[in-house]
N, C-alpha and C. Protein backbone atom coordinates (compact mmCIF):
# COMPACT_ATOMS: atom_id res chain seq x y z
N MET A 1 44.04 4.68 -26.82
CA MET A 1 44.61 5.89 -26.29
C MET A 1 43.50 6.71 -25.63
N GLN A 2 43.72 7.11 -24.41
CA GLN A 2 42.72 7.90 -23.70
C GLN A 2 42.79 9.35 -24.12
N GLN A 3 41.64 9.91 -24.30
CA GLN A 3 41.58 11.31 -24.68
C GLN A 3 41.53 12.15 -23.41
N LYS A 4 42.32 13.19 -23.35
CA LYS A 4 42.37 14.06 -22.18
C LYS A 4 41.81 15.42 -22.56
N ILE A 5 41.14 16.05 -21.62
CA ILE A 5 40.61 17.39 -21.82
C ILE A 5 41.42 18.33 -20.95
N LYS A 6 41.96 19.38 -21.55
CA LYS A 6 42.74 20.33 -20.78
C LYS A 6 41.80 21.22 -20.00
N ARG A 7 42.19 21.48 -18.77
CA ARG A 7 41.39 22.32 -17.90
C ARG A 7 42.36 23.19 -17.11
N GLY A 8 42.40 24.44 -17.39
CA GLY A 8 43.30 25.34 -16.67
C GLY A 8 44.75 25.04 -17.03
N ILE A 9 45.65 25.48 -16.22
CA ILE A 9 47.08 25.28 -16.47
C ILE A 9 47.51 23.96 -15.87
N GLY A 10 47.88 23.04 -16.72
CA GLY A 10 48.44 21.78 -16.28
C GLY A 10 47.44 20.78 -15.70
N LYS A 11 46.15 21.06 -15.64
CA LYS A 11 45.15 20.12 -15.09
C LYS A 11 44.47 19.40 -16.24
N ARG A 12 44.39 18.10 -16.12
CA ARG A 12 43.72 17.30 -17.14
C ARG A 12 42.64 16.45 -16.46
N ILE A 13 41.51 16.35 -17.12
CA ILE A 13 40.41 15.52 -16.61
C ILE A 13 40.17 14.41 -17.63
N ASP A 14 40.16 13.21 -17.16
CA ASP A 14 39.94 12.05 -18.02
C ASP A 14 38.48 12.05 -18.48
N SER A 15 38.23 11.94 -19.78
CA SER A 15 36.86 11.96 -20.32
C SER A 15 36.05 10.76 -19.82
N LYS A 16 36.68 9.63 -19.56
CA LYS A 16 35.96 8.47 -19.04
C LYS A 16 35.43 8.74 -17.63
N LYS A 17 36.18 9.48 -16.85
CA LYS A 17 35.73 9.84 -15.50
C LYS A 17 34.52 10.77 -15.57
N ILE A 18 34.54 11.68 -16.52
CA ILE A 18 33.40 12.60 -16.69
C ILE A 18 32.15 11.81 -17.06
N VAL A 19 32.27 10.90 -18.01
CA VAL A 19 31.13 10.07 -18.43
C VAL A 19 30.62 9.25 -17.25
N PHE A 20 31.52 8.66 -16.47
CA PHE A 20 31.13 7.87 -15.30
C PHE A 20 30.34 8.72 -14.30
N VAL A 21 30.83 9.91 -14.00
CA VAL A 21 30.16 10.80 -13.04
C VAL A 21 28.78 11.20 -13.57
N VAL A 22 28.67 11.53 -14.84
CA VAL A 22 27.38 11.92 -15.43
C VAL A 22 26.38 10.76 -15.34
N ILE A 23 26.82 9.56 -15.69
CA ILE A 23 25.94 8.39 -15.61
C ILE A 23 25.53 8.12 -14.17
N LEU A 24 26.46 8.24 -13.23
CA LEU A 24 26.14 8.05 -11.82
C LEU A 24 25.10 9.06 -11.34
N VAL A 25 25.24 10.31 -11.73
CA VAL A 25 24.27 11.35 -11.34
C VAL A 25 22.89 11.04 -11.93
N ILE A 26 22.84 10.58 -13.16
CA ILE A 26 21.57 10.24 -13.81
C ILE A 26 20.92 9.07 -13.08
N ILE A 27 21.69 8.04 -12.74
CA ILE A 27 21.14 6.89 -12.02
C ILE A 27 20.60 7.32 -10.66
N ILE A 28 21.34 8.11 -9.93
CA ILE A 28 20.87 8.59 -8.62
C ILE A 28 19.59 9.41 -8.77
N PHE A 29 19.53 10.26 -9.78
CA PHE A 29 18.34 11.07 -10.03
C PHE A 29 17.11 10.19 -10.25
N PHE A 30 17.24 9.16 -11.11
CA PHE A 30 16.11 8.28 -11.38
C PHE A 30 15.73 7.43 -10.16
N LEU A 31 16.68 7.02 -9.37
CA LEU A 31 16.37 6.29 -8.14
C LEU A 31 15.58 7.16 -7.17
N ILE A 32 15.95 8.41 -7.06
CA ILE A 32 15.22 9.33 -6.19
C ILE A 32 13.79 9.49 -6.69
N ILE A 33 13.62 9.64 -7.99
CA ILE A 33 12.26 9.78 -8.55
C ILE A 33 11.45 8.51 -8.27
N LEU A 34 12.03 7.33 -8.51
CA LEU A 34 11.31 6.07 -8.30
C LEU A 34 10.95 5.85 -6.83
N LEU A 35 11.84 6.25 -5.94
CA LEU A 35 11.61 6.01 -4.52
C LEU A 35 10.86 7.15 -3.82
N TYR A 36 10.62 8.24 -4.51
CA TYR A 36 10.04 9.43 -3.89
C TYR A 36 8.73 9.11 -3.16
N THR A 37 7.82 8.40 -3.81
CA THR A 37 6.54 8.09 -3.18
C THR A 37 6.74 7.26 -1.92
N ASN A 38 7.60 6.25 -1.99
CA ASN A 38 7.85 5.41 -0.82
C ASN A 38 8.50 6.20 0.31
N ILE A 39 9.40 7.11 -0.03
CA ILE A 39 10.05 7.92 0.99
C ILE A 39 9.03 8.82 1.68
N ILE A 40 8.18 9.46 0.89
CA ILE A 40 7.14 10.33 1.46
C ILE A 40 6.20 9.51 2.35
N ASP A 41 5.80 8.32 1.89
CA ASP A 41 4.95 7.46 2.72
C ASP A 41 5.64 7.12 4.02
N TYR A 42 6.92 6.80 3.97
CA TYR A 42 7.67 6.43 5.17
C TYR A 42 7.75 7.61 6.14
N ILE A 43 8.07 8.78 5.62
CA ILE A 43 8.23 9.96 6.47
C ILE A 43 6.90 10.37 7.09
N SER A 44 5.82 10.27 6.32
CA SER A 44 4.54 10.79 6.79
C SER A 44 3.70 9.77 7.55
N THR A 45 4.15 8.52 7.67
CA THR A 45 3.35 7.48 8.30
C THR A 45 3.63 7.39 9.80
N TYR A 46 2.56 7.52 10.58
CA TYR A 46 2.66 7.35 12.04
C TYR A 46 2.62 5.87 12.41
N GLU A 47 1.68 5.16 11.79
CA GLU A 47 1.50 3.73 12.09
C GLU A 47 1.19 2.98 10.81
N LYS A 48 1.58 1.72 10.79
CA LYS A 48 1.21 0.81 9.71
C LYS A 48 0.74 -0.48 10.36
N ARG A 49 -0.48 -0.86 10.04
CA ARG A 49 -1.03 -2.11 10.59
C ARG A 49 -1.52 -2.98 9.46
N GLU A 50 -1.23 -4.26 9.56
CA GLU A 50 -1.68 -5.22 8.56
C GLU A 50 -2.63 -6.21 9.23
N VAL A 51 -3.75 -6.44 8.56
CA VAL A 51 -4.77 -7.35 9.08
C VAL A 51 -4.95 -8.47 8.06
N TYR A 52 -4.86 -9.70 8.51
CA TYR A 52 -5.07 -10.85 7.63
C TYR A 52 -6.52 -10.88 7.15
N ALA A 53 -6.73 -11.20 5.87
CA ALA A 53 -8.07 -11.29 5.29
C ALA A 53 -8.19 -12.58 4.50
N GLN A 54 -9.39 -13.21 4.56
CA GLN A 54 -9.57 -14.49 3.87
C GLN A 54 -11.03 -14.70 3.50
N ILE A 55 -11.24 -15.29 2.33
CA ILE A 55 -12.56 -15.79 1.91
C ILE A 55 -12.34 -17.16 1.29
N ILE A 56 -13.22 -18.09 1.59
CA ILE A 56 -13.16 -19.42 0.97
C ILE A 56 -14.31 -19.52 -0.01
N VAL A 57 -13.98 -19.76 -1.27
CA VAL A 57 -15.00 -19.96 -2.29
C VAL A 57 -15.25 -21.46 -2.37
N SER A 58 -16.50 -21.83 -2.10
CA SER A 58 -16.85 -23.23 -1.93
C SER A 58 -18.24 -23.48 -2.53
N ASN A 59 -18.69 -24.70 -2.46
CA ASN A 59 -20.06 -25.02 -2.88
C ASN A 59 -21.05 -24.80 -1.74
N ASN A 60 -20.56 -24.34 -0.59
CA ASN A 60 -21.40 -24.13 0.59
C ASN A 60 -21.22 -22.70 1.10
N PHE A 61 -22.12 -22.33 1.98
CA PHE A 61 -21.99 -21.07 2.70
C PHE A 61 -21.50 -21.38 4.10
N GLY A 62 -20.77 -20.47 4.70
CA GLY A 62 -20.32 -20.66 6.07
C GLY A 62 -19.94 -19.33 6.67
N ILE A 63 -20.09 -19.20 7.98
CA ILE A 63 -19.72 -17.96 8.65
C ILE A 63 -18.46 -18.18 9.47
N ALA A 64 -17.79 -17.10 9.75
CA ALA A 64 -16.59 -17.17 10.58
C ALA A 64 -16.63 -16.00 11.55
N ILE A 65 -16.25 -16.26 12.78
CA ILE A 65 -16.20 -15.21 13.78
C ILE A 65 -14.75 -15.10 14.24
N ASN A 66 -14.21 -13.89 14.08
CA ASN A 66 -12.82 -13.67 14.44
C ASN A 66 -12.67 -12.19 14.75
N GLY A 67 -12.11 -11.86 15.89
CA GLY A 67 -11.99 -10.47 16.29
C GLY A 67 -10.69 -9.81 15.88
N THR A 68 -9.76 -10.56 15.30
CA THR A 68 -8.47 -9.96 14.97
C THR A 68 -8.16 -9.99 13.48
N SER A 69 -9.00 -10.61 12.67
CA SER A 69 -8.76 -10.71 11.24
C SER A 69 -10.04 -10.44 10.48
N LEU A 70 -9.92 -10.23 9.18
CA LEU A 70 -11.09 -10.10 8.31
C LEU A 70 -11.33 -11.45 7.64
N ILE A 71 -11.91 -12.37 8.41
CA ILE A 71 -12.23 -13.70 7.89
C ILE A 71 -13.69 -13.66 7.47
N PHE A 72 -13.93 -13.81 6.16
CA PHE A 72 -15.28 -13.67 5.62
C PHE A 72 -16.05 -14.99 5.58
N GLY A 73 -15.44 -16.08 5.97
CA GLY A 73 -16.13 -17.37 5.96
C GLY A 73 -16.10 -17.99 4.58
N MET A 74 -17.24 -18.65 4.22
CA MET A 74 -17.33 -19.33 2.93
C MET A 74 -18.50 -18.76 2.15
N THR A 75 -18.33 -18.69 0.84
CA THR A 75 -19.43 -18.31 -0.04
C THR A 75 -19.25 -19.05 -1.36
N VAL A 76 -20.30 -19.07 -2.13
CA VAL A 76 -20.30 -19.76 -3.43
C VAL A 76 -19.84 -18.79 -4.52
N PRO A 77 -19.40 -19.31 -5.66
CA PRO A 77 -19.11 -18.41 -6.77
C PRO A 77 -20.34 -17.54 -7.08
N GLY A 78 -20.13 -16.26 -7.26
CA GLY A 78 -21.23 -15.32 -7.46
C GLY A 78 -21.78 -14.76 -6.15
N GLY A 79 -21.27 -15.24 -5.01
CA GLY A 79 -21.76 -14.81 -3.71
C GLY A 79 -21.02 -13.58 -3.20
N SER A 80 -21.42 -13.16 -2.02
CA SER A 80 -20.78 -11.99 -1.42
C SER A 80 -20.74 -12.15 0.09
N ALA A 81 -19.92 -11.34 0.72
CA ALA A 81 -19.82 -11.32 2.18
C ALA A 81 -19.45 -9.91 2.59
N ARG A 82 -19.69 -9.61 3.87
CA ARG A 82 -19.46 -8.25 4.35
C ARG A 82 -18.97 -8.25 5.78
N LYS A 83 -18.01 -7.38 6.06
CA LYS A 83 -17.50 -7.17 7.42
C LYS A 83 -17.32 -5.68 7.62
N SER A 84 -17.31 -5.27 8.89
CA SER A 84 -17.06 -3.86 9.19
C SER A 84 -15.96 -3.74 10.23
N ILE A 85 -15.29 -2.60 10.19
CA ILE A 85 -14.24 -2.28 11.15
C ILE A 85 -14.50 -0.88 11.68
N GLU A 86 -14.33 -0.73 12.97
CA GLU A 86 -14.49 0.58 13.62
C GLU A 86 -13.12 1.23 13.75
N LEU A 87 -13.00 2.47 13.29
CA LEU A 87 -11.75 3.21 13.39
C LEU A 87 -11.94 4.41 14.30
N ASP A 88 -10.95 4.68 15.14
CA ASP A 88 -10.96 5.84 16.01
C ASP A 88 -9.64 6.58 15.85
N ASN A 89 -9.71 7.91 15.91
CA ASN A 89 -8.49 8.71 15.94
C ASN A 89 -8.19 9.05 17.39
N ASN A 90 -7.19 8.40 17.97
CA ASN A 90 -6.79 8.65 19.35
C ASN A 90 -5.63 9.64 19.46
N TYR A 91 -5.20 10.17 18.32
CA TYR A 91 -4.16 11.20 18.34
C TYR A 91 -4.78 12.55 18.72
N LYS A 92 -3.94 13.50 19.06
CA LYS A 92 -4.42 14.84 19.43
C LYS A 92 -4.46 15.77 18.23
N HIS A 93 -4.35 15.21 17.03
CA HIS A 93 -4.37 16.00 15.80
C HIS A 93 -5.00 15.15 14.69
N ASP A 94 -5.32 15.79 13.57
CA ASP A 94 -5.90 15.08 12.43
C ASP A 94 -4.95 14.01 11.93
N VAL A 95 -5.51 12.90 11.44
CA VAL A 95 -4.73 11.86 10.79
C VAL A 95 -5.44 11.44 9.50
N LYS A 96 -4.65 10.99 8.56
CA LYS A 96 -5.20 10.50 7.30
C LYS A 96 -5.06 8.99 7.27
N PHE A 97 -6.12 8.31 6.87
CA PHE A 97 -6.10 6.85 6.71
C PHE A 97 -5.97 6.53 5.23
N LYS A 98 -4.99 5.73 4.90
CA LYS A 98 -4.81 5.21 3.55
C LYS A 98 -4.85 3.70 3.68
N ILE A 99 -5.75 3.05 2.93
CA ILE A 99 -5.97 1.62 3.09
C ILE A 99 -5.82 0.93 1.74
N TYR A 100 -5.12 -0.19 1.74
CA TYR A 100 -5.02 -0.97 0.51
C TYR A 100 -4.91 -2.44 0.88
N SER A 101 -5.14 -3.29 -0.10
CA SER A 101 -5.05 -4.73 0.15
C SER A 101 -3.98 -5.32 -0.75
N LYS A 102 -3.46 -6.46 -0.30
CA LYS A 102 -2.50 -7.20 -1.10
C LYS A 102 -2.82 -8.69 -0.99
N GLY A 103 -2.41 -9.45 -1.97
CA GLY A 103 -2.75 -10.86 -2.01
C GLY A 103 -3.88 -11.10 -3.00
N ASN A 104 -4.24 -12.37 -3.20
CA ASN A 104 -5.27 -12.67 -4.21
C ASN A 104 -6.68 -12.33 -3.75
N ILE A 105 -6.88 -11.99 -2.48
CA ILE A 105 -8.19 -11.53 -2.04
C ILE A 105 -8.50 -10.14 -2.61
N SER A 106 -7.47 -9.42 -3.02
CA SER A 106 -7.65 -8.06 -3.56
C SER A 106 -8.58 -8.02 -4.76
N ASP A 107 -8.63 -9.11 -5.53
CA ASP A 107 -9.50 -9.16 -6.70
C ASP A 107 -10.98 -9.09 -6.32
N PHE A 108 -11.32 -9.48 -5.10
CA PHE A 108 -12.71 -9.55 -4.67
C PHE A 108 -13.11 -8.47 -3.67
N LEU A 109 -12.15 -7.78 -3.09
CA LEU A 109 -12.39 -6.90 -1.95
C LEU A 109 -12.70 -5.47 -2.39
N ILE A 110 -13.76 -4.91 -1.82
CA ILE A 110 -14.15 -3.52 -2.06
C ILE A 110 -14.23 -2.84 -0.70
N ILE A 111 -13.51 -1.72 -0.55
CA ILE A 111 -13.49 -0.97 0.71
C ILE A 111 -14.40 0.24 0.55
N SER A 112 -15.27 0.46 1.53
CA SER A 112 -16.29 1.51 1.40
C SER A 112 -15.73 2.91 1.25
N GLU A 113 -14.58 3.19 1.86
CA GLU A 113 -14.01 4.53 1.80
C GLU A 113 -12.50 4.43 2.00
N ASN A 114 -11.78 5.37 1.39
CA ASN A 114 -10.32 5.34 1.49
C ASN A 114 -9.78 6.75 1.39
N ASN A 115 -8.54 6.94 1.85
CA ASN A 115 -7.87 8.25 1.81
C ASN A 115 -8.73 9.34 2.45
N PHE A 116 -9.07 9.14 3.69
CA PHE A 116 -9.90 10.11 4.40
C PHE A 116 -9.19 10.59 5.66
N ILE A 117 -9.64 11.72 6.16
CA ILE A 117 -9.05 12.33 7.35
C ILE A 117 -10.02 12.20 8.52
N LEU A 118 -9.48 11.79 9.66
CA LEU A 118 -10.26 11.77 10.91
C LEU A 118 -9.70 12.83 11.85
N LYS A 119 -10.59 13.57 12.44
CA LYS A 119 -10.21 14.58 13.43
C LYS A 119 -9.98 13.88 14.78
N PRO A 120 -9.34 14.56 15.73
CA PRO A 120 -9.13 13.94 17.05
C PRO A 120 -10.44 13.44 17.66
N ASN A 121 -10.42 12.25 18.21
CA ASN A 121 -11.57 11.60 18.84
C ASN A 121 -12.72 11.30 17.88
N GLU A 122 -12.49 11.46 16.58
CA GLU A 122 -13.53 11.13 15.60
C GLU A 122 -13.55 9.62 15.36
N HIS A 123 -14.71 9.12 14.97
CA HIS A 123 -14.96 7.69 14.80
C HIS A 123 -15.52 7.45 13.40
N LYS A 124 -15.15 6.35 12.79
CA LYS A 124 -15.68 6.00 11.46
C LYS A 124 -15.80 4.49 11.36
N THR A 125 -16.87 4.04 10.70
CA THR A 125 -17.07 2.62 10.42
C THR A 125 -16.77 2.39 8.94
N LEU A 126 -15.87 1.46 8.68
CA LEU A 126 -15.56 1.07 7.30
C LEU A 126 -16.22 -0.27 7.01
N ILE A 127 -16.73 -0.39 5.79
CA ILE A 127 -17.36 -1.63 5.35
C ILE A 127 -16.44 -2.28 4.32
N PHE A 128 -16.18 -3.56 4.50
CA PHE A 128 -15.39 -4.35 3.57
C PHE A 128 -16.33 -5.37 2.93
N ASN A 129 -16.53 -5.23 1.63
CA ASN A 129 -17.40 -6.14 0.89
C ASN A 129 -16.56 -7.06 0.03
N ILE A 130 -16.97 -8.33 -0.01
CA ILE A 130 -16.38 -9.31 -0.91
C ILE A 130 -17.43 -9.64 -1.96
N LYS A 131 -17.05 -9.51 -3.22
CA LYS A 131 -17.93 -9.89 -4.33
C LYS A 131 -17.16 -10.92 -5.16
N VAL A 132 -17.61 -12.16 -5.10
CA VAL A 132 -16.94 -13.25 -5.80
C VAL A 132 -17.58 -13.41 -7.18
N PRO A 133 -16.79 -13.36 -8.24
CA PRO A 133 -17.36 -13.56 -9.58
C PRO A 133 -17.94 -14.97 -9.74
N ARG A 134 -18.92 -15.10 -10.62
CA ARG A 134 -19.56 -16.41 -10.85
C ARG A 134 -18.58 -17.45 -11.39
N ASN A 135 -17.54 -16.98 -12.09
CA ASN A 135 -16.58 -17.91 -12.69
C ASN A 135 -15.35 -18.15 -11.80
N ALA A 136 -15.42 -17.75 -10.53
CA ALA A 136 -14.28 -17.92 -9.62
C ALA A 136 -14.03 -19.40 -9.36
N THR A 137 -12.77 -19.76 -9.30
CA THR A 137 -12.36 -21.12 -8.98
C THR A 137 -12.54 -21.36 -7.48
N LEU A 138 -13.00 -22.55 -7.13
CA LEU A 138 -13.14 -22.90 -5.72
C LEU A 138 -11.77 -22.89 -5.06
N GLY A 139 -11.71 -22.41 -3.83
CA GLY A 139 -10.44 -22.38 -3.12
C GLY A 139 -10.41 -21.25 -2.11
N THR A 140 -9.26 -21.10 -1.46
CA THR A 140 -9.06 -20.07 -0.45
C THR A 140 -8.35 -18.88 -1.08
N TYR A 141 -8.91 -17.71 -0.85
CA TYR A 141 -8.32 -16.46 -1.31
C TYR A 141 -7.98 -15.64 -0.08
N ASP A 142 -6.74 -15.20 0.01
CA ASP A 142 -6.36 -14.46 1.21
C ASP A 142 -5.33 -13.39 0.90
N GLY A 143 -4.95 -12.68 1.92
CA GLY A 143 -3.99 -11.60 1.79
C GLY A 143 -4.01 -10.74 3.03
N LYS A 144 -3.65 -9.49 2.86
CA LYS A 144 -3.61 -8.55 3.98
C LYS A 144 -4.33 -7.27 3.58
N VAL A 145 -4.96 -6.65 4.55
CA VAL A 145 -5.46 -5.29 4.40
C VAL A 145 -4.51 -4.42 5.21
N VAL A 146 -3.93 -3.42 4.54
CA VAL A 146 -2.92 -2.57 5.17
C VAL A 146 -3.54 -1.21 5.48
N PHE A 147 -3.39 -0.80 6.73
CA PHE A 147 -3.88 0.50 7.19
C PHE A 147 -2.66 1.38 7.46
N LEU A 148 -2.55 2.47 6.72
CA LEU A 148 -1.52 3.46 6.99
C LEU A 148 -2.19 4.65 7.67
N ILE A 149 -1.69 5.02 8.84
CA ILE A 149 -2.17 6.20 9.55
C ILE A 149 -1.10 7.25 9.35
N LYS A 150 -1.47 8.33 8.65
CA LYS A 150 -0.47 9.27 8.15
C LYS A 150 -0.73 10.70 8.61
N ASN A 151 0.32 11.50 8.48
CA ASN A 151 0.21 12.93 8.69
C ASN A 151 -0.51 13.51 7.47
N PRO A 152 -1.67 14.16 7.65
CA PRO A 152 -2.42 14.64 6.50
C PRO A 152 -1.78 15.86 5.80
N VAL A 153 -0.82 16.49 6.45
CA VAL A 153 -0.20 17.68 5.87
C VAL A 153 0.80 17.30 4.79
N ILE A 154 1.53 16.20 4.99
CA ILE A 154 2.51 15.73 4.01
C ILE A 154 1.76 14.90 2.97
N LYS A 155 1.84 15.29 1.73
CA LYS A 155 1.08 14.61 0.67
C LYS A 155 1.66 13.30 0.35
């Protein structure tokens, strides 16, 4: 038997409907909280660029030359490699750079600076260092380095 709640003259509201609406509001509230950071990133991002990155851990050393990717060549376990990237702000206003990596190369990659603001026509050189642990397994480690160019006013 369904329980009814009287509301005013002759109006009844089903208690199951009230529970459903309350649960729906709670779910929507938590989804907004979980997605808030991604929404802010989406709204505040002018550009998103992904650059392929790779290091080969081998028993040999080797160099790689590539103008469109962060290819670090080959190094031995316990070895290191280094690359640099030149950044320019070509916008007519300040921009914020937020940089992160994804993929298994992330375990070895160290970025010299992150979450910084460049003024119009300002230039910055970023250094990307790879430090391979001595106990690293031989093989190819790769992923992407993601550059978000954002509005510095929106947090």
